[in-house]
Amino acid sequence: MAFIPRDQLLRMKFKSLGAEVLISDKASIYSPSTISIGNNVRIDDFCLLSGEISLGSYIHIAAYTALYGKFGIVMEDYTGLSPRCTLFSASDDFGGNFLISPMAPEKFTHVTGGQIVLKKFCQVGANTVILPAVTLNEGVAVGAMSLVKKDLEAWSIYAGSPLRYIKKRERGLLKFYAQQ
């Protein structure tokens, strides 16, 4: 994997761009002027970022992950997305009374949604889908192949589709955070 050189990242005109940012040259970044990136962030091959996105520091977004941020996506410090995760902050109306296409005139569509927030220390397993207007509170871990449709309780582990609570998550990682 080759990363985009720093001078080229600066020319992309991100809303903000921190230090030690590694973005694969195979990632697709749409409207970088709406995307803020903190320090020590890595975005791997074949990721797609679009819309209003705010990435804190010490974040990893693994290969084949998509962030659709029409209504906003916030990832706070020390969060991560495993391969093939998809975050949808917007959703079309599939009821049959509206057109579904980004190419259809807006007056014939009905797109709804809300901001997605991953608070500090959240980790999301591979192939997970997160739907609009959801908050993963601090320390949440979501297992692979899950569907997240509601806010999740802090320092808890969830998995599945339908999503279910598994158990409380340990907080041992906080000792490393305190040592910084």
N, C-alpha and C. Protein backbone atom coordinates (compact mmCIF):
# COMPACT_ATOMS: atom_id res chain seq x y z
N MET A 1 0.85 -1.17 0.00
CA MET A 1 0.00 0.00 0.00
C MET A 1 0.90 1.23 0.00
N ALA A 2 0.59 2.16 -0.89
CA ALA A 2 1.30 3.43 -0.93
C ALA A 2 0.41 4.52 -0.34
N PHE A 3 1.00 5.40 0.44
CA PHE A 3 0.25 6.49 1.04
C PHE A 3 0.47 7.78 0.26
N ILE A 4 -0.54 8.62 0.25
CA ILE A 4 -0.46 9.91 -0.44
C ILE A 4 0.56 10.78 0.28
N PRO A 5 1.52 11.35 -0.46
CA PRO A 5 2.52 12.22 0.18
C PRO A 5 1.88 13.43 0.86
N ARG A 6 2.51 13.91 1.92
CA ARG A 6 1.98 15.02 2.71
C ARG A 6 1.69 16.25 1.85
N ASP A 7 2.59 16.60 0.94
CA ASP A 7 2.36 17.79 0.12
C ASP A 7 1.11 17.65 -0.74
N GLN A 8 0.85 16.45 -1.21
CA GLN A 8 -0.36 16.21 -2.00
C GLN A 8 -1.61 16.28 -1.11
N LEU A 9 -1.53 15.75 0.11
CA LEU A 9 -2.66 15.86 1.05
C LEU A 9 -2.98 17.33 1.31
N LEU A 10 -1.95 18.15 1.48
CA LEU A 10 -2.17 19.58 1.73
C LEU A 10 -2.86 20.25 0.54
N ARG A 11 -2.50 19.85 -0.66
CA ARG A 11 -3.13 20.42 -1.87
C ARG A 11 -4.60 20.02 -2.01
N MET A 12 -5.00 18.95 -1.32
CA MET A 12 -6.40 18.50 -1.41
C MET A 12 -7.35 19.42 -0.65
N LYS A 13 -6.81 20.31 0.19
CA LYS A 13 -7.61 21.33 0.89
C LYS A 13 -8.65 20.75 1.84
N PHE A 14 -8.21 19.85 2.72
CA PHE A 14 -9.10 19.36 3.77
C PHE A 14 -9.53 20.52 4.65
N LYS A 15 -10.66 20.37 5.31
CA LYS A 15 -11.13 21.39 6.26
C LYS A 15 -10.05 21.61 7.32
N SER A 16 -9.47 20.52 7.81
CA SER A 16 -8.27 20.57 8.65
C SER A 16 -7.54 19.24 8.49
N LEU A 17 -6.23 19.29 8.67
CA LEU A 17 -5.39 18.11 8.46
C LEU A 17 -4.29 18.10 9.51
N GLY A 18 -4.30 17.08 10.36
CA GLY A 18 -3.31 16.96 11.42
C GLY A 18 -1.99 16.38 10.93
N ALA A 19 -1.13 16.08 11.88
CA ALA A 19 0.19 15.50 11.60
C ALA A 19 0.10 13.98 11.57
N GLU A 20 1.05 13.37 10.90
CA GLU A 20 1.15 11.91 10.84
C GLU A 20 -0.13 11.26 10.30
N VAL A 21 -0.64 11.82 9.22
CA VAL A 21 -1.84 11.29 8.56
C VAL A 21 -1.40 10.45 7.38
N LEU A 22 -1.88 9.20 7.34
CA LEU A 22 -1.57 8.27 6.26
C LEU A 22 -2.87 7.90 5.56
N ILE A 23 -2.97 8.28 4.29
CA ILE A 23 -4.15 7.95 3.49
C ILE A 23 -3.68 7.20 2.25
N SER A 24 -4.23 6.02 2.04
CA SER A 24 -3.85 5.22 0.88
C SER A 24 -4.13 5.98 -0.41
N ASP A 25 -3.25 5.78 -1.37
CA ASP A 25 -3.50 6.39 -2.68
C ASP A 25 -4.62 5.67 -3.43
N LYS A 26 -5.14 4.61 -2.84
CA LYS A 26 -6.28 3.90 -3.43
C LYS A 26 -7.60 4.25 -2.73
N ALA A 27 -7.56 5.16 -1.76
CA ALA A 27 -8.79 5.62 -1.10
C ALA A 27 -9.45 6.69 -1.95
N SER A 28 -10.76 6.82 -1.81
CA SER A 28 -11.52 7.86 -2.53
C SER A 28 -12.04 8.87 -1.51
N ILE A 29 -11.62 10.12 -1.68
CA ILE A 29 -12.02 11.19 -0.77
C ILE A 29 -12.80 12.21 -1.59
N TYR A 30 -14.10 12.34 -1.30
CA TYR A 30 -14.95 13.30 -2.00
C TYR A 30 -15.14 14.53 -1.12
N SER A 31 -15.04 15.71 -1.71
CA SER A 31 -15.22 16.99 -1.00
C SER A 31 -14.34 17.08 0.24
N PRO A 32 -13.03 17.01 0.07
CA PRO A 32 -12.15 17.08 1.24
C PRO A 32 -12.33 18.36 2.06
N SER A 33 -12.88 19.40 1.47
CA SER A 33 -13.10 20.65 2.22
C SER A 33 -14.14 20.49 3.32
N THR A 34 -14.87 19.37 3.34
CA THR A 34 -15.86 19.10 4.39
C THR A 34 -15.36 18.06 5.39
N ILE A 35 -14.09 17.68 5.27
CA ILE A 35 -13.54 16.60 6.10
C ILE A 35 -12.39 17.13 6.96
N SER A 36 -12.51 16.92 8.28
CA SER A 36 -11.46 17.29 9.24
C SER A 36 -10.77 16.02 9.71
N ILE A 37 -9.44 16.05 9.73
CA ILE A 37 -8.66 14.89 10.15
C ILE A 37 -7.66 15.32 11.21
N GLY A 38 -7.67 14.62 12.35
CA GLY A 38 -6.74 14.90 13.44
C GLY A 38 -5.37 14.31 13.19
N ASN A 39 -4.63 14.07 14.26
CA ASN A 39 -3.27 13.53 14.19
C ASN A 39 -3.28 12.00 14.26
N ASN A 40 -2.28 11.40 13.63
CA ASN A 40 -2.09 9.95 13.71
C ASN A 40 -3.33 9.19 13.25
N VAL A 41 -3.72 9.47 12.03
CA VAL A 41 -4.89 8.83 11.42
C VAL A 41 -4.41 8.05 10.20
N ARG A 42 -4.93 6.82 10.06
CA ARG A 42 -4.59 6.00 8.89
C ARG A 42 -5.87 5.54 8.22
N ILE A 43 -5.93 5.75 6.90
CA ILE A 43 -7.08 5.35 6.08
C ILE A 43 -6.53 4.44 4.99
N ASP A 44 -6.99 3.20 4.97
CA ASP A 44 -6.41 2.16 4.12
C ASP A 44 -7.04 2.11 2.72
N ASP A 45 -6.56 1.14 1.93
CA ASP A 45 -6.99 0.96 0.54
C ASP A 45 -8.50 0.83 0.41
N PHE A 46 -9.01 1.41 -0.67
CA PHE A 46 -10.39 1.25 -1.12
C PHE A 46 -11.43 1.78 -0.13
N CYS A 47 -11.03 2.70 0.73
CA CYS A 47 -12.00 3.37 1.60
C CYS A 47 -12.63 4.52 0.82
N LEU A 48 -13.85 4.87 1.21
CA LEU A 48 -14.57 5.98 0.60
C LEU A 48 -15.04 6.90 1.71
N LEU A 49 -14.69 8.18 1.62
CA LEU A 49 -15.14 9.18 2.58
C LEU A 49 -15.84 10.29 1.81
N SER A 50 -17.06 10.60 2.22
CA SER A 50 -17.87 11.59 1.52
C SER A 50 -18.73 12.35 2.52
N GLY A 51 -18.82 13.66 2.38
CA GLY A 51 -19.71 14.45 3.22
C GLY A 51 -19.01 15.05 4.42
N GLU A 52 -19.82 15.45 5.39
CA GLU A 52 -19.32 16.10 6.61
C GLU A 52 -18.74 15.05 7.55
N ILE A 53 -17.42 14.99 7.63
CA ILE A 53 -16.75 13.98 8.44
C ILE A 53 -15.71 14.66 9.32
N SER A 54 -15.71 14.30 10.59
CA SER A 54 -14.72 14.81 11.54
C SER A 54 -14.03 13.62 12.21
N LEU A 55 -12.74 13.49 11.95
CA LEU A 55 -11.95 12.40 12.53
C LEU A 55 -11.02 12.99 13.58
N GLY A 56 -11.06 12.44 14.78
CA GLY A 56 -10.16 12.87 15.84
C GLY A 56 -8.76 12.33 15.59
N SER A 57 -8.05 12.01 16.65
CA SER A 57 -6.67 11.52 16.54
C SER A 57 -6.58 10.04 16.93
N TYR A 58 -5.54 9.40 16.43
CA TYR A 58 -5.28 7.98 16.70
C TYR A 58 -6.45 7.12 16.22
N ILE A 59 -6.73 7.26 14.95
CA ILE A 59 -7.86 6.55 14.32
C ILE A 59 -7.34 5.68 13.19
N HIS A 60 -7.93 4.49 13.07
CA HIS A 60 -7.63 3.62 11.93
C HIS A 60 -8.94 3.27 11.25
N ILE A 61 -8.97 3.50 9.94
CA ILE A 61 -10.11 3.11 9.10
C ILE A 61 -9.57 2.07 8.12
N ALA A 62 -9.98 0.82 8.31
CA ALA A 62 -9.41 -0.30 7.55
C ALA A 62 -10.00 -0.39 6.14
N ALA A 63 -9.39 -1.22 5.33
CA ALA A 63 -9.71 -1.35 3.91
C ALA A 63 -11.19 -1.61 3.64
N TYR A 64 -11.64 -1.07 2.52
CA TYR A 64 -12.99 -1.27 2.00
C TYR A 64 -14.09 -0.69 2.91
N THR A 65 -13.76 0.29 3.70
CA THR A 65 -14.75 0.91 4.58
C THR A 65 -15.29 2.17 3.91
N ALA A 66 -16.59 2.43 4.11
CA ALA A 66 -17.23 3.61 3.51
C ALA A 66 -17.91 4.45 4.58
N LEU A 67 -17.66 5.77 4.53
CA LEU A 67 -18.31 6.72 5.41
C LEU A 67 -19.10 7.70 4.55
N TYR A 68 -20.42 7.61 4.62
CA TYR A 68 -21.31 8.49 3.87
C TYR A 68 -21.84 9.54 4.83
N GLY A 69 -21.26 10.73 4.80
CA GLY A 69 -21.49 11.72 5.83
C GLY A 69 -22.41 12.87 5.47
N LYS A 70 -23.44 12.64 4.70
CA LYS A 70 -24.36 13.72 4.31
C LYS A 70 -24.87 14.50 5.52
N PHE A 71 -25.22 13.81 6.60
CA PHE A 71 -25.71 14.45 7.82
C PHE A 71 -24.65 14.47 8.92
N GLY A 72 -23.44 14.09 8.60
CA GLY A 72 -22.32 14.18 9.53
C GLY A 72 -21.93 12.86 10.17
N ILE A 73 -20.63 12.64 10.24
CA ILE A 73 -20.05 11.51 10.95
C ILE A 73 -18.90 12.06 11.79
N VAL A 74 -18.90 11.73 13.07
CA VAL A 74 -17.84 12.14 13.98
C VAL A 74 -17.21 10.89 14.59
N MET A 75 -15.91 10.77 14.44
CA MET A 75 -15.15 9.71 15.11
C MET A 75 -14.17 10.39 16.05
N GLU A 76 -14.39 10.20 17.35
CA GLU A 76 -13.50 10.81 18.33
C GLU A 76 -12.20 10.01 18.44
N ASP A 77 -11.29 10.48 19.28
CA ASP A 77 -9.96 9.88 19.44
C ASP A 77 -10.03 8.40 19.79
N TYR A 78 -9.04 7.66 19.27
CA TYR A 78 -8.87 6.24 19.57
C TYR A 78 -10.08 5.40 19.17
N THR A 79 -10.63 5.70 18.01
CA THR A 79 -11.71 4.87 17.48
C THR A 79 -11.19 4.16 16.24
N GLY A 80 -11.87 3.07 15.87
CA GLY A 80 -11.43 2.33 14.71
C GLY A 80 -12.55 1.59 14.04
N LEU A 81 -12.41 1.45 12.73
CA LEU A 81 -13.36 0.70 11.91
C LEU A 81 -12.60 -0.41 11.22
N SER A 82 -13.02 -1.65 11.43
CA SER A 82 -12.40 -2.81 10.80
C SER A 82 -12.81 -2.88 9.32
N PRO A 83 -12.21 -3.79 8.54
CA PRO A 83 -12.51 -3.83 7.11
C PRO A 83 -13.99 -3.98 6.79
N ARG A 84 -14.37 -3.31 5.72
CA ARG A 84 -15.69 -3.42 5.11
C ARG A 84 -16.84 -2.90 5.97
N CYS A 85 -16.56 -1.99 6.87
CA CYS A 85 -17.65 -1.33 7.61
C CYS A 85 -18.27 -0.25 6.72
N THR A 86 -19.55 0.00 6.92
CA THR A 86 -20.24 1.06 6.20
C THR A 86 -21.06 1.89 7.18
N LEU A 87 -20.85 3.21 7.15
CA LEU A 87 -21.59 4.14 8.00
C LEU A 87 -22.44 5.02 7.10
N PHE A 88 -23.76 4.94 7.27
CA PHE A 88 -24.71 5.73 6.49
C PHE A 88 -25.33 6.79 7.38
N SER A 89 -25.00 8.06 7.19
CA SER A 89 -25.67 9.11 7.96
C SER A 89 -26.96 9.55 7.27
N ALA A 90 -27.22 9.03 6.08
CA ALA A 90 -28.43 9.36 5.33
C ALA A 90 -29.04 8.08 4.77
N SER A 91 -30.35 8.14 4.53
CA SER A 91 -31.04 6.99 3.96
C SER A 91 -32.15 7.46 3.03
N ASP A 92 -32.28 6.80 1.92
CA ASP A 92 -33.40 7.07 1.01
C ASP A 92 -34.68 6.47 1.57
N ASP A 93 -35.81 6.94 1.07
CA ASP A 93 -37.12 6.39 1.41
C ASP A 93 -37.42 5.28 0.40
N PHE A 94 -37.45 4.05 0.88
CA PHE A 94 -37.65 2.89 0.01
C PHE A 94 -39.12 2.49 -0.10
N GLY A 95 -40.03 3.32 0.40
CA GLY A 95 -41.45 2.99 0.44
C GLY A 95 -42.15 2.97 -0.91
N GLY A 96 -41.53 3.51 -1.93
CA GLY A 96 -42.11 3.47 -3.26
C GLY A 96 -42.71 4.78 -3.73
N ASN A 97 -42.75 5.79 -2.89
CA ASN A 97 -43.34 7.07 -3.27
C ASN A 97 -42.33 8.10 -3.74
N PHE A 98 -41.05 7.75 -3.72
CA PHE A 98 -40.00 8.68 -4.12
C PHE A 98 -38.97 7.94 -4.96
N LEU A 99 -38.23 8.70 -5.76
CA LEU A 99 -37.13 8.12 -6.53
C LEU A 99 -35.93 7.90 -5.60
N ILE A 100 -35.14 6.90 -5.94
CA ILE A 100 -33.95 6.58 -5.17
C ILE A 100 -32.76 6.63 -6.12
N SER A 101 -32.05 7.75 -6.07
CA SER A 101 -30.86 7.89 -6.89
C SER A 101 -30.22 9.24 -6.59
N PRO A 102 -28.91 9.28 -6.47
CA PRO A 102 -28.26 10.58 -6.30
C PRO A 102 -28.35 11.43 -7.57
N MET A 103 -28.75 10.81 -8.67
CA MET A 103 -28.86 11.53 -9.94
C MET A 103 -30.28 12.04 -10.20
N ALA A 104 -31.25 11.59 -9.42
CA ALA A 104 -32.63 12.05 -9.59
C ALA A 104 -32.75 13.48 -9.05
N PRO A 105 -33.65 14.28 -9.63
CA PRO A 105 -33.87 15.62 -9.08
C PRO A 105 -34.26 15.53 -7.61
N GLU A 106 -33.67 16.39 -6.78
CA GLU A 106 -33.87 16.33 -5.33
C GLU A 106 -35.34 16.44 -4.95
N LYS A 107 -36.12 17.18 -5.73
CA LYS A 107 -37.55 17.35 -5.39
C LYS A 107 -38.34 16.04 -5.52
N PHE A 108 -37.76 15.03 -6.16
CA PHE A 108 -38.44 13.74 -6.31
C PHE A 108 -37.90 12.66 -5.36
N THR A 109 -36.98 13.06 -4.49
CA THR A 109 -36.39 12.11 -3.54
C THR A 109 -36.81 12.49 -2.12
N HIS A 110 -36.58 11.58 -1.20
CA HIS A 110 -36.85 11.85 0.21
C HIS A 110 -35.74 11.21 1.04
N VAL A 111 -34.68 11.99 1.25
CA VAL A 111 -33.52 11.51 2.00
C VAL A 111 -33.62 12.03 3.43
N THR A 112 -33.53 11.11 4.39
CA THR A 112 -33.55 11.49 5.80
C THR A 112 -32.28 10.97 6.46
N GLY A 113 -32.03 11.42 7.67
CA GLY A 113 -30.86 10.91 8.36
C GLY A 113 -30.52 11.71 9.59
N GLY A 114 -29.33 11.49 10.09
CA GLY A 114 -28.83 12.18 11.26
C GLY A 114 -27.38 11.81 11.49
N GLN A 115 -26.73 12.61 12.29
CA GLN A 115 -25.31 12.44 12.56
C GLN A 115 -25.01 11.11 13.26
N ILE A 116 -23.92 10.50 12.86
CA ILE A 116 -23.37 9.31 13.53
C ILE A 116 -22.18 9.77 14.35
N VAL A 117 -22.12 9.33 15.62
CA VAL A 117 -21.01 9.70 16.49
C VAL A 117 -20.41 8.45 17.13
N LEU A 118 -19.11 8.31 17.00
CA LEU A 118 -18.36 7.29 17.73
C LEU A 118 -17.53 8.02 18.77
N LYS A 119 -17.89 7.87 20.03
CA LYS A 119 -17.15 8.52 21.12
C LYS A 119 -15.80 7.82 21.31
N LYS A 120 -14.95 8.40 22.14
CA LYS A 120 -13.60 7.86 22.36
C LYS A 120 -13.61 6.36 22.65
N PHE A 121 -12.60 5.70 22.14
CA PHE A 121 -12.28 4.29 22.42
C PHE A 121 -13.30 3.30 21.85
N CYS A 122 -14.07 3.68 20.86
CA CYS A 122 -15.01 2.74 20.21
C CYS A 122 -14.28 1.97 19.12
N GLN A 123 -14.62 0.70 19.01
CA GLN A 123 -14.08 -0.16 17.96
C GLN A 123 -15.22 -0.91 17.31
N VAL A 124 -15.20 -0.97 15.98
CA VAL A 124 -16.29 -1.58 15.23
C VAL A 124 -15.71 -2.72 14.39
N GLY A 125 -16.30 -3.92 14.53
CA GLY A 125 -15.83 -5.12 13.84
C GLY A 125 -16.15 -5.13 12.36
N ALA A 126 -15.48 -6.00 11.64
CA ALA A 126 -15.58 -6.10 10.18
C ALA A 126 -17.01 -6.31 9.70
N ASN A 127 -17.31 -5.73 8.55
CA ASN A 127 -18.60 -5.89 7.87
C ASN A 127 -19.79 -5.38 8.67
N THR A 128 -19.57 -4.46 9.57
CA THR A 128 -20.66 -3.88 10.34
C THR A 128 -21.25 -2.70 9.59
N VAL A 129 -22.57 -2.54 9.70
CA VAL A 129 -23.29 -1.41 9.12
C VAL A 129 -23.85 -0.57 10.26
N ILE A 130 -23.61 0.74 10.20
CA ILE A 130 -24.18 1.68 11.17
C ILE A 130 -25.11 2.61 10.42
N LEU A 131 -26.36 2.67 10.88
CA LEU A 131 -27.40 3.47 10.22
C LEU A 131 -27.45 4.88 10.81
N PRO A 132 -28.22 5.79 10.19
CA PRO A 132 -28.23 7.20 10.60
C PRO A 132 -28.67 7.44 12.04
N ALA A 133 -28.20 8.59 12.56
CA ALA A 133 -28.62 9.13 13.85
C ALA A 133 -28.32 8.19 15.01
N VAL A 134 -27.11 7.63 15.02
CA VAL A 134 -26.70 6.68 16.05
C VAL A 134 -25.46 7.21 16.76
N THR A 135 -25.42 7.03 18.08
CA THR A 135 -24.22 7.34 18.87
C THR A 135 -23.72 6.08 19.54
N LEU A 136 -22.45 5.77 19.31
CA LEU A 136 -21.76 4.73 20.07
C LEU A 136 -21.05 5.47 21.19
N ASN A 137 -21.55 5.33 22.39
CA ASN A 137 -20.97 6.06 23.52
C ASN A 137 -19.59 5.52 23.85
N GLU A 138 -18.86 6.24 24.69
CA GLU A 138 -17.45 5.94 24.97
C GLU A 138 -17.22 4.46 25.29
N GLY A 139 -16.18 3.92 24.62
CA GLY A 139 -15.73 2.57 24.94
C GLY A 139 -16.53 1.43 24.36
N VAL A 140 -17.46 1.70 23.48
CA VAL A 140 -18.28 0.63 22.89
C VAL A 140 -17.45 -0.21 21.93
N ALA A 141 -17.68 -1.51 21.94
CA ALA A 141 -17.11 -2.42 20.95
C ALA A 141 -18.26 -3.15 20.28
N VAL A 142 -18.22 -3.21 18.96
CA VAL A 142 -19.26 -3.87 18.18
C VAL A 142 -18.61 -5.02 17.42
N GLY A 143 -19.16 -6.22 17.56
CA GLY A 143 -18.62 -7.39 16.89
C GLY A 143 -18.85 -7.37 15.39
N ALA A 144 -18.14 -8.22 14.69
CA ALA A 144 -18.22 -8.30 13.23
C ALA A 144 -19.63 -8.63 12.75
N MET A 145 -19.95 -8.12 11.56
CA MET A 145 -21.19 -8.40 10.85
C MET A 145 -22.43 -7.99 11.65
N SER A 146 -22.34 -6.86 12.32
CA SER A 146 -23.46 -6.36 13.11
C SER A 146 -24.20 -5.26 12.36
N LEU A 147 -25.45 -5.03 12.77
CA LEU A 147 -26.27 -3.94 12.25
C LEU A 147 -26.64 -3.04 13.42
N VAL A 148 -26.16 -1.80 13.39
CA VAL A 148 -26.38 -0.86 14.49
C VAL A 148 -27.43 0.16 14.06
N LYS A 149 -28.58 0.16 14.77
CA LYS A 149 -29.69 1.05 14.43
C LYS A 149 -30.08 1.97 15.58
N LYS A 150 -29.40 1.84 16.74
CA LYS A 150 -29.77 2.64 17.91
C LYS A 150 -28.51 3.01 18.69
N ASP A 151 -28.65 3.98 19.59
CA ASP A 151 -27.53 4.39 20.44
C ASP A 151 -27.10 3.22 21.32
N LEU A 152 -25.80 3.16 21.60
CA LEU A 152 -25.25 2.06 22.40
C LEU A 152 -24.65 2.59 23.70
N GLU A 153 -24.85 1.83 24.77
CA GLU A 153 -24.43 2.21 26.12
C GLU A 153 -22.91 2.15 26.25
N ALA A 154 -22.34 3.14 26.94
CA ALA A 154 -20.89 3.24 27.13
C ALA A 154 -20.30 1.97 27.73
N TRP A 155 -19.08 1.67 27.31
CA TRP A 155 -18.28 0.57 27.83
C TRP A 155 -19.05 -0.75 27.83
N SER A 156 -19.67 -1.01 26.68
CA SER A 156 -20.42 -2.25 26.49
C SER A 156 -19.99 -2.89 25.18
N ILE A 157 -20.20 -4.20 25.08
CA ILE A 157 -19.91 -4.95 23.86
C ILE A 157 -21.23 -5.44 23.29
N TYR A 158 -21.37 -5.26 21.97
CA TYR A 158 -22.58 -5.66 21.26
C TYR A 158 -22.17 -6.47 20.03
N ALA A 159 -23.08 -7.29 19.52
CA ALA A 159 -22.82 -8.01 18.28
C ALA A 159 -24.13 -8.51 17.70
N GLY A 160 -24.12 -8.74 16.38
CA GLY A 160 -25.21 -9.42 15.73
C GLY A 160 -26.13 -8.56 14.89
N SER A 161 -27.03 -9.28 14.22
CA SER A 161 -28.09 -8.66 13.43
C SER A 161 -29.31 -9.56 13.54
N PRO A 162 -30.23 -9.26 14.43
CA PRO A 162 -30.33 -7.99 15.16
C PRO A 162 -29.25 -7.87 16.24
N LEU A 163 -28.89 -6.63 16.51
CA LEU A 163 -27.85 -6.34 17.48
C LEU A 163 -28.30 -6.71 18.89
N ARG A 164 -27.38 -7.30 19.65
CA ARG A 164 -27.72 -7.62 21.04
C ARG A 164 -26.53 -7.27 21.94
N TYR A 165 -26.87 -6.93 23.16
CA TYR A 165 -25.87 -6.64 24.18
C TYR A 165 -25.19 -7.95 24.58
N ILE A 166 -23.86 -7.93 24.67
CA ILE A 166 -23.11 -9.12 25.07
C ILE A 166 -22.69 -9.02 26.53
N LYS A 167 -21.95 -7.96 26.86
CA LYS A 167 -21.48 -7.78 28.23
C LYS A 167 -20.83 -6.41 28.36
N LYS A 168 -20.49 -6.04 29.59
CA LYS A 168 -19.73 -4.83 29.84
C LYS A 168 -18.31 -5.01 29.30
N ARG A 169 -17.72 -3.91 28.83
CA ARG A 169 -16.35 -3.95 28.32
C ARG A 169 -15.39 -3.48 29.41
N GLU A 170 -14.27 -4.16 29.52
CA GLU A 170 -13.23 -3.76 30.48
C GLU A 170 -12.67 -2.38 30.09
N ARG A 171 -12.09 -1.68 31.06
CA ARG A 171 -11.56 -0.34 30.82
C ARG A 171 -10.04 -0.27 31.00
N GLY A 172 -9.38 -1.41 30.96
CA GLY A 172 -7.94 -1.45 31.15
C GLY A 172 -7.15 -0.58 30.19
N LEU A 173 -7.66 -0.36 29.01
CA LEU A 173 -6.96 0.45 28.02
C LEU A 173 -6.78 1.89 28.48
N LEU A 174 -7.59 2.34 29.42
CA LEU A 174 -7.49 3.71 29.90
C LEU A 174 -6.16 3.99 30.60
N LYS A 175 -5.51 2.95 31.12
CA LYS A 175 -4.21 3.16 31.78
C LYS A 175 -3.17 3.65 30.77
N PHE A 176 -3.28 3.21 29.52
CA PHE A 176 -2.35 3.66 28.49
C PHE A 176 -2.65 5.10 28.09
N TYR A 177 -3.91 5.42 28.03
CA TYR A 177 -4.33 6.79 27.69
C TYR A 177 -3.81 7.76 28.75
N ALA A 178 -3.88 7.38 30.01
CA ALA A 178 -3.44 8.24 31.12
C ALA A 178 -1.92 8.46 31.09
N GLN A 179 -1.17 7.56 30.46
CA GLN A 179 0.29 7.66 30.43
C GLN A 179 0.82 8.57 29.32
N GLN A 180 -0.04 9.10 28.52
CA GLN A 180 0.42 9.94 27.40
C GLN A 180 1.00 11.24 27.86
